[in-house]
N, C-alpha and C. Protein backbone atom coordinates (compact mmCIF):
# COMPACT_ATOMS: atom_id res chain seq x y z
N MET A 1 15.15 -20.18 -11.81
CA MET A 1 15.33 -21.25 -12.77
C MET A 1 14.10 -22.15 -12.73
N THR A 2 13.78 -22.71 -13.85
CA THR A 2 12.67 -23.65 -13.92
C THR A 2 13.20 -25.05 -14.19
N LYS A 3 12.40 -26.03 -13.86
CA LYS A 3 12.79 -27.41 -14.10
C LYS A 3 11.86 -28.01 -15.14
N ASP A 4 12.44 -28.76 -16.06
CA ASP A 4 11.60 -29.46 -17.03
C ASP A 4 11.13 -30.77 -16.40
N PRO A 5 10.24 -31.51 -17.05
CA PRO A 5 9.69 -32.73 -16.46
C PRO A 5 10.75 -33.76 -16.04
N SER A 6 11.91 -33.73 -16.67
CA SER A 6 12.95 -34.69 -16.29
C SER A 6 13.70 -34.26 -15.05
N GLY A 7 13.46 -33.02 -14.58
CA GLY A 7 14.10 -32.52 -13.37
C GLY A 7 15.35 -31.71 -13.63
N SER A 8 15.78 -31.58 -14.88
CA SER A 8 16.97 -30.79 -15.14
C SER A 8 16.62 -29.31 -15.15
N THR A 9 17.58 -28.49 -14.83
CA THR A 9 17.35 -27.05 -14.74
C THR A 9 17.57 -26.39 -16.09
N GLN A 10 16.65 -25.53 -16.46
CA GLN A 10 16.77 -24.76 -17.69
C GLN A 10 17.28 -23.37 -17.32
N GLY A 11 17.67 -22.59 -18.31
CA GLY A 11 18.24 -21.28 -18.05
C GLY A 11 17.27 -20.13 -17.95
N THR A 12 15.99 -20.36 -17.81
CA THR A 12 15.03 -19.27 -17.74
C THR A 12 14.97 -18.70 -16.33
N VAL A 13 15.21 -17.41 -16.22
CA VAL A 13 15.12 -16.71 -14.94
C VAL A 13 13.69 -16.21 -14.78
N GLU A 14 13.13 -16.36 -13.59
CA GLU A 14 11.75 -15.93 -13.34
C GLU A 14 11.74 -14.74 -12.38
N TYR A 15 11.09 -13.66 -12.82
CA TYR A 15 10.85 -12.51 -11.97
C TYR A 15 9.37 -12.53 -11.59
N HIS A 16 9.09 -12.40 -10.31
CA HIS A 16 7.72 -12.38 -9.82
C HIS A 16 7.48 -11.06 -9.11
N VAL A 17 6.36 -10.42 -9.40
CA VAL A 17 5.91 -9.22 -8.71
C VAL A 17 4.87 -9.69 -7.70
N VAL A 18 5.19 -9.49 -6.41
CA VAL A 18 4.41 -10.11 -5.34
C VAL A 18 3.94 -9.04 -4.34
N PRO A 19 2.64 -9.03 -3.99
CA PRO A 19 2.19 -8.07 -2.97
C PRO A 19 2.67 -8.49 -1.59
N HIS A 20 3.19 -7.51 -0.82
CA HIS A 20 3.67 -7.81 0.53
C HIS A 20 3.68 -6.53 1.35
N ALA A 21 2.98 -6.56 2.45
CA ALA A 21 2.98 -5.45 3.42
C ALA A 21 2.69 -4.08 2.78
N GLY A 22 1.68 -4.03 1.93
CA GLY A 22 1.26 -2.76 1.35
C GLY A 22 2.11 -2.27 0.20
N ARG A 23 2.98 -3.12 -0.31
CA ARG A 23 3.80 -2.75 -1.45
C ARG A 23 3.95 -3.95 -2.37
N TRP A 24 4.55 -3.73 -3.54
CA TRP A 24 4.78 -4.80 -4.51
C TRP A 24 6.27 -5.07 -4.57
N GLU A 25 6.68 -6.28 -4.19
CA GLU A 25 8.08 -6.65 -4.17
C GLU A 25 8.45 -7.45 -5.42
N ILE A 26 9.69 -7.33 -5.84
CA ILE A 26 10.17 -8.05 -7.01
C ILE A 26 11.09 -9.17 -6.53
N GLU A 27 10.74 -10.38 -6.93
CA GLU A 27 11.55 -11.54 -6.60
C GLU A 27 12.19 -12.08 -7.88
N ARG A 28 13.39 -12.60 -7.72
CA ARG A 28 14.09 -13.25 -8.85
C ARG A 28 14.34 -14.69 -8.42
N ASP A 29 13.75 -15.61 -9.14
CA ASP A 29 13.85 -17.04 -8.78
C ASP A 29 13.52 -17.26 -7.30
N ASP A 30 12.44 -16.66 -6.84
CA ASP A 30 11.89 -16.80 -5.49
C ASP A 30 12.74 -16.17 -4.38
N ALA A 31 13.66 -15.28 -4.72
CA ALA A 31 14.44 -14.56 -3.72
C ALA A 31 14.18 -13.06 -3.89
N PHE A 32 13.94 -12.35 -2.80
CA PHE A 32 13.68 -10.92 -2.84
C PHE A 32 14.89 -10.19 -3.41
N THR A 33 14.66 -9.32 -4.39
CA THR A 33 15.76 -8.60 -5.05
C THR A 33 16.16 -7.33 -4.31
N GLY A 34 15.33 -6.88 -3.38
CA GLY A 34 15.58 -5.62 -2.71
C GLY A 34 14.83 -4.47 -3.38
N ARG A 35 14.21 -4.75 -4.52
CA ARG A 35 13.44 -3.73 -5.23
C ARG A 35 11.96 -3.90 -4.94
N PHE A 36 11.27 -2.76 -4.82
CA PHE A 36 9.83 -2.80 -4.60
C PHE A 36 9.24 -1.48 -5.07
N ALA A 37 7.92 -1.44 -5.16
CA ALA A 37 7.19 -0.22 -5.51
C ALA A 37 5.86 -0.24 -4.78
N HIS A 38 5.28 0.92 -4.62
CA HIS A 38 3.98 1.01 -3.96
C HIS A 38 2.83 0.78 -4.94
N GLU A 39 3.12 0.80 -6.23
CA GLU A 39 2.10 0.54 -7.26
C GLU A 39 2.53 -0.66 -8.09
N ALA A 40 1.56 -1.52 -8.41
CA ALA A 40 1.85 -2.75 -9.16
C ALA A 40 2.48 -2.44 -10.52
N GLY A 41 1.97 -1.46 -11.23
CA GLY A 41 2.48 -1.12 -12.55
C GLY A 41 3.95 -0.71 -12.52
N THR A 42 4.32 0.03 -11.51
CA THR A 42 5.72 0.45 -11.37
C THR A 42 6.61 -0.75 -11.09
N ALA A 43 6.15 -1.65 -10.22
CA ALA A 43 6.92 -2.85 -9.91
C ALA A 43 7.07 -3.74 -11.14
N VAL A 44 6.03 -3.84 -11.93
CA VAL A 44 6.09 -4.64 -13.16
C VAL A 44 7.13 -4.02 -14.11
N SER A 45 7.13 -2.71 -14.24
CA SER A 45 8.11 -2.04 -15.11
C SER A 45 9.54 -2.30 -14.64
N LEU A 46 9.76 -2.25 -13.33
CA LEU A 46 11.09 -2.54 -12.78
C LEU A 46 11.50 -3.99 -13.05
N ALA A 47 10.55 -4.91 -12.90
CA ALA A 47 10.84 -6.32 -13.14
C ALA A 47 11.16 -6.58 -14.61
N ILE A 48 10.41 -5.95 -15.51
CA ILE A 48 10.68 -6.12 -16.94
C ILE A 48 12.04 -5.54 -17.30
N ALA A 49 12.38 -4.39 -16.74
CA ALA A 49 13.69 -3.79 -17.02
C ALA A 49 14.81 -4.71 -16.55
N ALA A 50 14.65 -5.33 -15.39
CA ALA A 50 15.65 -6.27 -14.89
C ALA A 50 15.72 -7.51 -15.77
N ALA A 51 14.57 -8.01 -16.18
CA ALA A 51 14.53 -9.20 -17.03
C ALA A 51 15.20 -8.94 -18.38
N GLU A 52 15.03 -7.75 -18.91
CA GLU A 52 15.65 -7.40 -20.19
C GLU A 52 17.17 -7.40 -20.11
N ARG A 53 17.71 -7.18 -18.93
CA ARG A 53 19.17 -7.16 -18.74
C ARG A 53 19.76 -8.54 -18.52
N GLU A 54 18.92 -9.55 -18.35
CA GLU A 54 19.43 -10.91 -18.15
C GLU A 54 20.14 -11.39 -19.42
N PRO A 55 21.26 -12.08 -19.27
CA PRO A 55 21.96 -12.57 -20.46
C PRO A 55 21.22 -13.70 -21.18
N GLY A 56 20.36 -14.42 -20.48
CA GLY A 56 19.59 -15.51 -21.09
C GLY A 56 18.11 -15.20 -21.10
N ASP A 57 17.31 -16.23 -21.16
CA ASP A 57 15.86 -16.08 -21.16
C ASP A 57 15.34 -15.67 -19.79
N ALA A 58 14.31 -14.83 -19.78
CA ALA A 58 13.69 -14.40 -18.53
C ALA A 58 12.21 -14.17 -18.78
N ILE A 59 11.42 -14.36 -17.73
CA ILE A 59 9.99 -14.07 -17.79
C ILE A 59 9.61 -13.24 -16.58
N VAL A 60 8.47 -12.53 -16.69
CA VAL A 60 7.94 -11.74 -15.59
C VAL A 60 6.49 -12.17 -15.37
N CYS A 61 6.15 -12.42 -14.10
CA CYS A 61 4.80 -12.80 -13.70
C CYS A 61 4.36 -11.91 -12.55
N ILE A 62 3.06 -11.81 -12.36
CA ILE A 62 2.53 -11.08 -11.21
C ILE A 62 1.65 -12.04 -10.42
N GLN A 63 1.77 -11.97 -9.11
CA GLN A 63 0.96 -12.84 -8.25
C GLN A 63 -0.43 -12.25 -8.09
N GLU A 64 -1.43 -13.07 -8.38
CA GLU A 64 -2.83 -12.66 -8.25
C GLU A 64 -3.29 -12.80 -6.79
N ALA A 65 -4.46 -12.27 -6.49
CA ALA A 65 -5.00 -12.32 -5.13
C ALA A 65 -5.20 -13.75 -4.63
N ASP A 66 -5.46 -14.69 -5.55
CA ASP A 66 -5.67 -16.08 -5.13
C ASP A 66 -4.37 -16.87 -5.00
N GLY A 67 -3.22 -16.20 -5.21
CA GLY A 67 -1.92 -16.85 -5.05
C GLY A 67 -1.33 -17.39 -6.34
N THR A 68 -2.10 -17.42 -7.41
CA THR A 68 -1.55 -17.90 -8.69
C THR A 68 -0.74 -16.79 -9.35
N CYS A 69 0.14 -17.16 -10.24
CA CYS A 69 0.95 -16.18 -10.95
C CYS A 69 0.50 -16.10 -12.40
N ARG A 70 0.37 -14.87 -12.88
CA ARG A 70 -0.03 -14.63 -14.26
C ARG A 70 1.18 -14.13 -15.05
N HIS A 71 1.47 -14.78 -16.16
CA HIS A 71 2.60 -14.42 -17.02
C HIS A 71 2.31 -13.08 -17.68
N LEU A 72 3.27 -12.13 -17.56
CA LEU A 72 3.10 -10.81 -18.16
C LEU A 72 4.06 -10.51 -19.31
N TRP A 73 5.27 -11.04 -19.21
CA TRP A 73 6.30 -10.66 -20.18
C TRP A 73 7.25 -11.82 -20.36
N PRO A 74 7.82 -12.12 -21.48
CA PRO A 74 7.55 -11.54 -22.78
C PRO A 74 6.28 -12.09 -23.37
């Protein structure tokens, strides 16, 4: 979930593809989902598939080497 400037929670679910221990892990709202892949592209595809099944709004980002997240989908 994200917070707007007033601090209230919006309904957007965030999926992050994060490198960890030689693999790419998928997090949902900063919690590990249990899903991972050894290739970034595969992990991104899994994250997008999960985001598409969300009943509300969802986004997918990938963590860059410098720690920032880049928005990938939608």
